[in-house]
Amino acid sequence: MYFVYLLRCKDNSLYCGQTNNLENRIEEHNFSKTKSAKYLRGRKPVILAYVEKVKTLSKALKRELEIKKLTKIKKEELVYRFKK
């Protein structure tokens, strides 16, 4: 099982990623100096804003790319629907 996720950064931006261990990855993003994404430097702490489960790595990578291509407004709509 894989997860495609959006993280809310402290500057209110959204970061999209994929992983097979969501809790561990969020912890790495928040606390690791070497295993986090460059984009998140200076934007921590991050919190989980949205998540989707997918069955394969291939599908996770495709979905991650789809989400990354969305506008900020469309990403915010995903977050809004996720919180309902």
PDB file of N, CA and C in Angstrom:
ATOM      1  N   MET A   1       0.846  -1.179   0.000  1.00  0.00           N
ATOM      2  CA  MET A   1       0.000   0.000   0.000  1.00  0.00           C
ATOM      3  C   MET A   1       0.891   1.242   0.000  1.00  0.00           C
ATOM      4  N   TYR A   2       0.517   2.207  -0.817  1.00  0.00           N
ATOM      5  CA  TYR A   2       1.247   3.468  -0.907  1.00  0.00           C
ATOM      6  C   TYR A   2       0.297   4.624  -0.603  1.00  0.00           C
ATOM      7  N   PHE A   3       0.875   5.736  -0.249  1.00  0.00           N
ATOM      8  CA  PHE A   3       0.104   6.923   0.089  1.00  0.00           C
ATOM      9  C   PHE A   3       0.606   8.107  -0.720  1.00  0.00           C
ATOM     10  N   VAL A   4      -0.330   8.868  -1.257  1.00  0.00           N
ATOM     11  CA  VAL A   4      -0.019  10.146  -1.889  1.00  0.00           C
ATOM     12  C   VAL A   4      -0.583  11.184  -0.936  1.00  0.00           C
ATOM     13  N   TYR A   5       0.221  12.181  -0.593  1.00  0.00           N
ATOM     14  CA  TYR A   5      -0.189  13.099   0.467  1.00  0.00           C
ATOM     15  C   TYR A   5       0.127  14.542   0.136  1.00  0.00           C
ATOM     16  N   LEU A   6      -0.590  15.423   0.806  1.00  0.00           N
ATOM     17  CA  LEU A   6      -0.290  16.848   0.798  1.00  0.00           C
ATOM     18  C   LEU A   6       0.011  17.257   2.227  1.00  0.00           C
ATOM     19  N   LEU A   7       1.077  18.001   2.390  1.00  0.00           N
ATOM     20  CA  LEU A   7       1.435  18.544   3.694  1.00  0.00           C
ATOM     21  C   LEU A   7       1.212  20.047   3.683  1.00  0.00           C
ATOM     22  N   ARG A   8       0.686  20.564   4.768  1.00  0.00           N
ATOM     23  CA  ARG A   8       0.534  22.011   4.941  1.00  0.00           C
ATOM     24  C   ARG A   8       1.776  22.512   5.665  1.00  0.00           C
ATOM     25  N   CYS A   9       2.469  23.437   5.035  1.00  0.00           N
ATOM     26  CA  CYS A   9       3.680  24.009   5.612  1.00  0.00           C
ATOM     27  C   CYS A   9       3.325  25.216   6.470  1.00  0.00           C
ATOM     28  N   LYS A  10       4.284  25.667   7.280  1.00  0.00           N
ATOM     29  CA  LYS A  10       4.009  26.793   8.174  1.00  0.00           C
ATOM     30  C   LYS A  10       3.758  28.091   7.410  1.00  0.00           C
ATOM     31  N   ASP A  11       4.197  28.170   6.151  1.00  0.00           N
ATOM     32  CA  ASP A  11       3.906  29.359   5.333  1.00  0.00           C
ATOM     33  C   ASP A  11       2.608  29.200   4.537  1.00  0.00           C
ATOM     34  N   ASN A  12       1.823  28.167   4.859  1.00  0.00           N
ATOM     35  CA  ASN A  12       0.529  27.856   4.257  1.00  0.00           C
ATOM     36  C   ASN A  12       0.639  27.267   2.849  1.00  0.00           C
ATOM     37  N   SER A  13       1.841  26.973   2.382  1.00  0.00           N
ATOM     38  CA  SER A  13       1.982  26.307   1.094  1.00  0.00           C
ATOM     39  C   SER A  13       1.685  24.821   1.271  1.00  0.00           C
ATOM     40  N   LEU A  14       1.499  24.131   0.150  1.00  0.00           N
ATOM     41  CA  LEU A  14       1.220  22.703   0.174  1.00  0.00           C
ATOM     42  C   LEU A  14       2.346  21.961  -0.534  1.00  0.00           C
ATOM     43  N   TYR A  15       2.776  20.870   0.061  1.00  0.00           N
ATOM     44  CA  TYR A  15       3.818  20.021  -0.507  1.00  0.00           C
ATOM     45  C   TYR A  15       3.212  18.658  -0.798  1.00  0.00           C
ATOM     46  N   CYS A  16       3.443  18.123  -1.984  1.00  0.00           N
ATOM     47  CA  CYS A  16       2.906  16.818  -2.376  1.00  0.00           C
ATOM     48  C   CYS A  16       4.028  15.792  -2.429  1.00  0.00           C
ATOM     49  N   GLY A  17       3.731  14.593  -1.937  1.00  0.00           N
ATOM     50  CA  GLY A  17       4.696  13.503  -1.980  1.00  0.00           C
ATOM     51  C   GLY A  17       4.006  12.158  -1.960  1.00  0.00           C
ATOM     52  N   GLN A  18       4.795  11.096  -2.022  1.00  0.00           N
ATOM     53  CA  GLN A  18       4.263   9.738  -1.939  1.00  0.00           C
ATOM     54  C   GLN A  18       5.213   8.892  -1.114  1.00  0.00           C
ATOM     55  N   THR A  19       4.666   7.878  -0.466  1.00  0.00           N
ATOM     56  CA  THR A  19       5.460   7.013   0.401  1.00  0.00           C
ATOM     57  C   THR A  19       4.703   5.717   0.666  1.00  0.00           C
ATOM     58  N   ASN A  20       5.401   4.738   1.205  1.00  0.00           N
ATOM     59  CA  ASN A  20       4.729   3.520   1.662  1.00  0.00           C
ATOM     60  C   ASN A  20       4.651   3.473   3.189  1.00  0.00           C
ATOM     61  N   ASN A  21       5.179   4.502   3.855  1.00  0.00           N
ATOM     62  CA  ASN A  21       5.113   4.589   5.317  1.00  0.00           C
ATOM     63  C   ASN A  21       4.838   6.048   5.690  1.00  0.00           C
ATOM     64  N   LEU A  22       3.590   6.395   5.770  1.00  0.00           N
ATOM     65  CA  LEU A  22       3.181   7.790   5.921  1.00  0.00           C
ATOM     66  C   LEU A  22       3.669   8.407   7.229  1.00  0.00           C
ATOM     67  N   GLU A  23       3.451   7.745   8.341  1.00  0.00           N
ATOM     68  CA  GLU A  23       3.850   8.314   9.635  1.00  0.00           C
ATOM     69  C   GLU A  23       5.353   8.573   9.687  1.00  0.00           C
ATOM     70  N   ASN A  24       6.126   7.611   9.225  1.00  0.00           N
ATOM     71  CA  ASN A  24       7.578   7.756   9.220  1.00  0.00           C
ATOM     72  C   ASN A  24       8.007   8.903   8.304  1.00  0.00           C
ATOM     73  N   ARG A  25       7.370   9.020   7.149  1.00  0.00           N
ATOM     74  CA  ARG A  25       7.763  10.065   6.199  1.00  0.00           C
ATOM     75  C   ARG A  25       7.467  11.461   6.741  1.00  0.00           C
ATOM     76  N   ILE A  26       6.329  11.630   7.386  1.00  0.00           N
ATOM     77  CA  ILE A  26       6.013  12.937   7.966  1.00  0.00           C
ATOM     78  C   ILE A  26       7.020  13.283   9.069  1.00  0.00           C
ATOM     79  N   GLU A  27       7.379  12.290   9.866  1.00  0.00           N
ATOM     80  CA  GLU A  27       8.381  12.508  10.904  1.00  0.00           C
ATOM     81  C   GLU A  27       9.722  12.905  10.280  1.00  0.00           C
ATOM     82  N   GLU A  28      10.102  12.238   9.190  1.00  0.00           N
ATOM     83  CA  GLU A  28      11.341  12.601   8.497  1.00  0.00           C
ATOM     84  C   GLU A  28      11.271  14.041   7.986  1.00  0.00           C
ATOM     85  N   HIS A  29      10.141  14.408   7.394  1.00  0.00           N
ATOM     86  CA  HIS A  29       9.994  15.768   6.889  1.00  0.00           C
ATOM     87  C   HIS A  29      10.148  16.796   8.011  1.00  0.00           C
ATOM     88  N   ASN A  30       9.604  16.501   9.166  1.00  0.00           N
ATOM     89  CA  ASN A  30       9.641  17.459  10.272  1.00  0.00           C
ATOM     90  C   ASN A  30      10.957  17.484  11.033  1.00  0.00           C
ATOM     91  N   PHE A  31      11.642  16.347  11.143  1.00  0.00           N
ATOM     92  CA  PHE A  31      12.767  16.278  12.063  1.00  0.00           C
ATOM     93  C   PHE A  31      14.117  15.887  11.459  1.00  0.00           C
ATOM     94  N   SER A  32      14.133  15.304  10.278  1.00  0.00           N
ATOM     95  CA  SER A  32      15.398  14.882   9.691  1.00  0.00           C
ATOM     96  C   SER A  32      16.027  16.014   8.878  1.00  0.00           C
ATOM     97  N   LYS A  33      17.314  16.174   9.047  1.00  0.00           N
ATOM     98  CA  LYS A  33      18.030  17.197   8.267  1.00  0.00           C
ATOM     99  C   LYS A  33      18.484  16.645   6.923  1.00  0.00           C
ATOM    100  N   THR A  34      18.520  15.318   6.789  1.00  0.00           N
ATOM    101  CA  THR A  34      19.033  14.718   5.560  1.00  0.00           C
ATOM    102  C   THR A  34      17.966  14.003   4.734  1.00  0.00           C
ATOM    103  N   LYS A  35      16.849  13.608   5.335  1.00  0.00           N
ATOM    104  CA  LYS A  35      15.851  12.820   4.623  1.00  0.00           C
ATOM    105  C   LYS A  35      14.601  13.603   4.252  1.00  0.00           C
ATOM    106  N   SER A  36      14.614  14.898   4.413  1.00  0.00           N
ATOM    107  CA  SER A  36      13.466  15.718   4.062  1.00  0.00           C
ATOM    108  C   SER A  36      13.682  16.327   2.684  1.00  0.00           C
ATOM    109  N   ALA A  37      12.609  16.852   2.114  1.00  0.00           N
ATOM    110  CA  ALA A  37      12.685  17.493   0.801  1.00  0.00           C
ATOM    111  C   ALA A  37      13.274  18.899   0.926  1.00  0.00           C
ATOM    112  N   LYS A  38      14.037  19.310  -0.073  1.00  0.00           N
ATOM    113  CA  LYS A  38      14.626  20.657  -0.061  1.00  0.00           C
ATOM    114  C   LYS A  38      13.550  21.727   0.056  1.00  0.00           C
ATOM    115  N   TYR A  39      12.414  21.501  -0.609  1.00  0.00           N
ATOM    116  CA  TYR A  39      11.335  22.488  -0.589  1.00  0.00           C
ATOM    117  C   TYR A  39      10.913  22.827   0.839  1.00  0.00           C
ATOM    118  N   LEU A  40      10.993  21.874   1.735  1.00  0.00           N
ATOM    119  CA  LEU A  40      10.482  22.068   3.093  1.00  0.00           C
ATOM    120  C   LEU A  40      11.452  22.787   4.019  1.00  0.00           C
ATOM    121  N   ARG A  41      12.672  23.013   3.578  1.00  0.00           N
ATOM    122  CA  ARG A  41      13.614  23.747   4.424  1.00  0.00           C
ATOM    123  C   ARG A  41      13.070  25.137   4.709  1.00  0.00           C
ATOM    124  N   GLY A  42      12.983  25.478   5.967  1.00  0.00           N
ATOM    125  CA  GLY A  42      12.463  26.780   6.360  1.00  0.00           C
ATOM    126  C   GLY A  42      10.945  26.853   6.375  1.00  0.00           C
ATOM    127  N   ARG A  43      10.279  25.752   6.061  1.00  0.00           N
ATOM    128  CA  ARG A  43       8.809  25.740   6.031  1.00  0.00           C
ATOM    129  C   ARG A  43       8.235  24.772   7.071  1.00  0.00           C
ATOM    130  N   LYS A  44       9.055  24.322   7.977  1.00  0.00           N
ATOM    131  CA  LYS A  44       8.613  23.362   8.984  1.00  0.00           C
ATOM    132  C   LYS A  44       8.115  24.100  10.211  1.00  0.00           C
ATOM    133  N   PRO A  45       7.237  23.514  10.979  1.00  0.00           N
ATOM    134  CA  PRO A  45       6.722  22.158  10.896  1.00  0.00           C
ATOM    135  C   PRO A  45       5.653  22.021   9.816  1.00  0.00           C
ATOM    136  N   VAL A  46       5.447  20.776   9.392  1.00  0.00           N
ATOM    137  CA  VAL A  46       4.403  20.471   8.419  1.00  0.00           C
ATOM    138  C   VAL A  46       3.370  19.570   9.077  1.00  0.00           C
ATOM    139  N   ILE A  47       2.136  19.661   8.597  1.00  0.00           N
ATOM    140  CA  ILE A  47       1.074  18.778   9.086  1.00  0.00           C
ATOM    141  C   ILE A  47       0.379  18.144   7.895  1.00  0.00           C
ATOM    142  N   LEU A  48      -0.139  16.960   8.102  1.00  0.00           N
ATOM    143  CA  LEU A  48      -0.842  16.248   7.050  1.00  0.00           C
ATOM    144  C   LEU A  48      -2.154  16.966   6.734  1.00  0.00           C
ATOM    145  N   ALA A  49      -2.351  17.295   5.461  1.00  0.00           N
ATOM    146  CA  ALA A  49      -3.562  17.998   5.044  1.00  0.00           C
ATOM    147  C   ALA A  49      -4.464  17.119   4.194  1.00  0.00           C
ATOM    148  N   TYR A  50      -3.881  16.123   3.528  1.00  0.00           N
ATOM    149  CA  TYR A  50      -4.645  15.282   2.596  1.00  0.00           C
ATOM    150  C   TYR A  50      -3.870  13.996   2.367  1.00  0.00           C
ATOM    151  N   VAL A  51      -4.582  12.884   2.210  1.00  0.00           N
ATOM    152  CA  VAL A  51      -3.927  11.613   1.893  1.00  0.00           C
ATOM    153  C   VAL A  51      -4.858  10.738   1.067  1.00  0.00           C
ATOM    154  N   GLU A  52      -4.283  10.003   0.133  1.00  0.00           N
ATOM    155  CA  GLU A  52      -4.980   8.989  -0.669  1.00  0.00           C
ATOM    156  C   GLU A  52      -4.192   7.698  -0.568  1.00  0.00           C
ATOM    157  N   LYS A  53      -4.891   6.575  -0.508  1.00  0.00           N
ATOM    158  CA  LYS A  53      -4.241   5.267  -0.557  1.00  0.00           C
ATOM    159  C   LYS A  53      -4.287   4.766  -1.993  1.00  0.00           C
ATOM    160  N   VAL A  54      -3.164   4.216  -2.452  1.00  0.00           N
ATOM    161  CA  VAL A  54      -3.104   3.579  -3.768  1.00  0.00           C
ATOM    162  C   VAL A  54      -2.379   2.242  -3.624  1.00  0.00           C
ATOM    163  N   LYS A  55      -2.642   1.336  -4.557  1.00  0.00           N
ATOM    164  CA  LYS A  55      -2.140  -0.028  -4.401  1.00  0.00           C
ATOM    165  C   LYS A  55      -0.702  -0.238  -4.850  1.00  0.00           C
ATOM    166  N   THR A  56      -0.247   0.528  -5.834  1.00  0.00           N
ATOM    167  CA  THR A  56       1.092   0.267  -6.365  1.00  0.00           C
ATOM    168  C   THR A  56       1.918   1.548  -6.405  1.00  0.00           C
ATOM    169  N   LEU A  57       3.229   1.370  -6.448  1.00  0.00           N
ATOM    170  CA  LEU A  57       4.128   2.508  -6.556  1.00  0.00           C
ATOM    171  C   LEU A  57       3.881   3.263  -7.854  1.00  0.00           C
ATOM    172  N   SER A  58       3.649   2.536  -8.919  1.00  0.00           N
ATOM    173  CA  SER A  58       3.389   3.168 -10.213  1.00  0.00           C
ATOM    174  C   SER A  58       2.178   4.093 -10.143  1.00  0.00           C
ATOM    175  N   LYS A  59       1.102   3.617  -9.531  1.00  0.00           N
ATOM    176  CA  LYS A  59      -0.105   4.444  -9.395  1.00  0.00           C
ATOM    177  C   LYS A  59       0.149   5.629  -8.473  1.00  0.00           C
ATOM    178  N   ALA A  60       0.948   5.418  -7.439  1.00  0.00           N
ATOM    179  CA  ALA A  60       1.265   6.512  -6.517  1.00  0.00           C
ATOM    180  C   ALA A  60       2.051   7.610  -7.231  1.00  0.00           C
ATOM    181  N   LEU A  61       3.017   7.217  -8.035  1.00  0.00           N
ATOM    182  CA  LEU A  61       3.820   8.196  -8.770  1.00  0.00           C
ATOM    183  C   LEU A  61       2.971   8.963  -9.784  1.00  0.00           C
ATOM    184  N   LYS A  62       2.066   8.260 -10.455  1.00  0.00           N
ATOM    185  CA  LYS A  62       1.177   8.921 -11.422  1.00  0.00           C
ATOM    186  C   LYS A  62       0.259   9.912 -10.716  1.00  0.00           C
ATOM    187  N   ARG A  63      -0.304   9.495  -9.602  1.00  0.00           N
ATOM    188  CA  ARG A  63      -1.220  10.374  -8.869  1.00  0.00           C
ATOM    189  C   ARG A  63      -0.479  11.569  -8.284  1.00  0.00           C
ATOM    190  N   GLU A  64       0.723  11.347  -7.782  1.00  0.00           N
ATOM    191  CA  GLU A  64       1.522  12.451  -7.258  1.00  0.00           C
ATOM    192  C   GLU A  64       1.747  13.501  -8.352  1.00  0.00           C
ATOM    193  N   LEU A  65       2.090  13.056  -9.540  1.00  0.00           N
ATOM    194  CA  LEU A  65       2.310  13.981 -10.649  1.00  0.00           C
ATOM    195  C   LEU A  65       1.025  14.728 -11.013  1.00  0.00           C
ATOM    196  N   GLU A  66      -0.110  14.019 -11.013  1.00  0.00           N
ATOM    197  CA  GLU A  66      -1.396  14.667 -11.292  1.00  0.00           C
ATOM    198  C   GLU A  66      -1.671  15.779 -10.290  1.00  0.00           C
ATOM    199  N   ILE A  67      -1.461  15.482  -9.018  1.00  0.00           N
ATOM    200  CA  ILE A  67      -1.729  16.471  -7.970  1.00  0.00           C
ATOM    201  C   ILE A  67      -0.757  17.647  -8.087  1.00  0.00           C
ATOM    202  N   LYS A  68       0.495  17.371  -8.363  1.00  0.00           N
ATOM    203  CA  LYS A  68       1.481  18.450  -8.493  1.00  0.00           C
ATOM    204  C   LYS A  68       1.128  19.407  -9.623  1.00  0.00           C
ATOM    205  N   LYS A  69       0.449  18.918 -10.641  1.00  0.00           N
ATOM    206  CA  LYS A  69       0.069  19.760 -11.777  1.00  0.00           C
ATOM    207  C   LYS A  69      -1.172  20.608 -11.493  1.00  0.00           C
ATOM    208  N   LEU A  70      -1.888  20.305 -10.401  1.00  0.00           N
ATOM    209  CA  LEU A  70      -3.083  21.071 -10.060  1.00  0.00           C
ATOM    210  C   LEU A  70      -2.709  22.478  -9.600  1.00  0.00           C
ATOM    211  N   THR A  71      -3.646  23.390  -9.759  1.00  0.00           N
ATOM    212  CA  THR A  71      -3.453  24.737  -9.220  1.00  0.00           C
ATOM    213  C   THR A  71      -3.579  24.686  -7.696  1.00  0.00           C
ATOM    214  N   LYS A  72      -3.135  25.733  -7.048  1.00  0.00           N
ATOM    215  CA  LYS A  72      -3.251  25.801  -5.583  1.00  0.00           C
ATOM    216  C   LYS A  72      -4.725  25.715  -5.171  1.00  0.00           C
ATOM    217  N   ILE A  73      -5.603  26.341  -5.931  1.00  0.00           N
ATOM    218  CA  ILE A  73      -7.032  26.312  -5.614  1.00  0.00           C
ATOM    219  C   ILE A  73      -7.565  24.884  -5.660  1.00  0.00           C
ATOM    220  N   LYS A  74      -7.184  24.126  -6.682  1.00  0.00           N
ATOM    221  CA  LYS A  74      -7.648  22.730  -6.809  1.00  0.00           C
ATOM    222  C   LYS A  74      -7.067  21.866  -5.681  1.00  0.00           C
ATOM    223  N   LYS A  75      -5.826  22.121  -5.308  1.00  0.00           N
ATOM    224  CA  LYS A  75      -5.240  21.381  -4.190  1.00  0.00           C
ATOM    225  C   LYS A  75      -5.978  21.702  -2.898  1.00  0.00           C
ATOM    226  N   GLU A  76      -6.324  22.966  -2.713  1.00  0.00           N
ATOM    227  CA  GLU A  76      -7.083  23.360  -1.516  1.00  0.00           C
ATOM    228  C   GLU A  76      -8.453  22.689  -1.504  1.00  0.00           C
ATOM    229  N   GLU A  77      -9.061  22.490  -2.677  1.00  0.00           N
ATOM    230  CA  GLU A  77     -10.341  21.782  -2.746  1.00  0.00           C
ATOM    231  C   GLU A  77     -10.180  20.335  -2.287  1.00  0.00           C
ATOM    232  N   LEU A  78      -9.082  19.690  -2.672  1.00  0.00           N
ATOM    233  CA  LEU A  78      -8.827  18.327  -2.191  1.00  0.00           C
ATOM    234  C   LEU A  78      -8.736  18.310  -0.666  1.00  0.00           C
ATOM    235  N   VAL A  79      -8.008  19.265  -0.122  1.00  0.00           N
ATOM    236  CA  VAL A  79      -7.832  19.355   1.333  1.00  0.00           C
ATOM    237  C   VAL A  79      -9.186  19.569   2.005  1.00  0.00           C
ATOM    238  N   TYR A  80      -9.971  20.474   1.461  1.00  0.00           N
ATOM    239  CA  TYR A  80     -11.279  20.781   2.035  1.00  0.00           C
ATOM    240  C   TYR A  80     -12.175  19.546   2.049  1.00  0.00           C
ATOM    241  N   ARG A  81     -12.227  18.828   0.925  1.00  0.00           N
ATOM    242  CA  ARG A  81     -13.074  17.618   0.857  1.00  0.00           C
ATOM    243  C   ARG A  81     -12.551  16.533   1.776  1.00  0.00           C
ATOM    244  N   PHE A  82     -11.240  16.458   1.964  1.00  0.00           N
ATOM    245  CA  PHE A  82     -10.636  15.449   2.840  1.00  0.00           C
ATOM    246  C   PHE A  82     -11.035  15.687   4.287  1.00  0.00           C
ATOM    247  N   LYS A  83     -11.131  16.945   4.698  1.00  0.00           N
ATOM    248  CA  LYS A  83     -11.438  17.262   6.095  1.00  0.00           C
ATOM    249  C   LYS A  83     -12.898  17.080   6.436  1.00  0.00           C
ATOM    250  N   LYS A  84     -13.761  16.980   5.440  1.00  0.00           N
ATOM    251  CA  LYS A  84     -15.196  16.809   5.713  1.00  0.00           C
ATOM    252  C   LYS A  84     -15.530  15.448   6.223  1.00  0.00           C
TER     253      LYS A  84
END
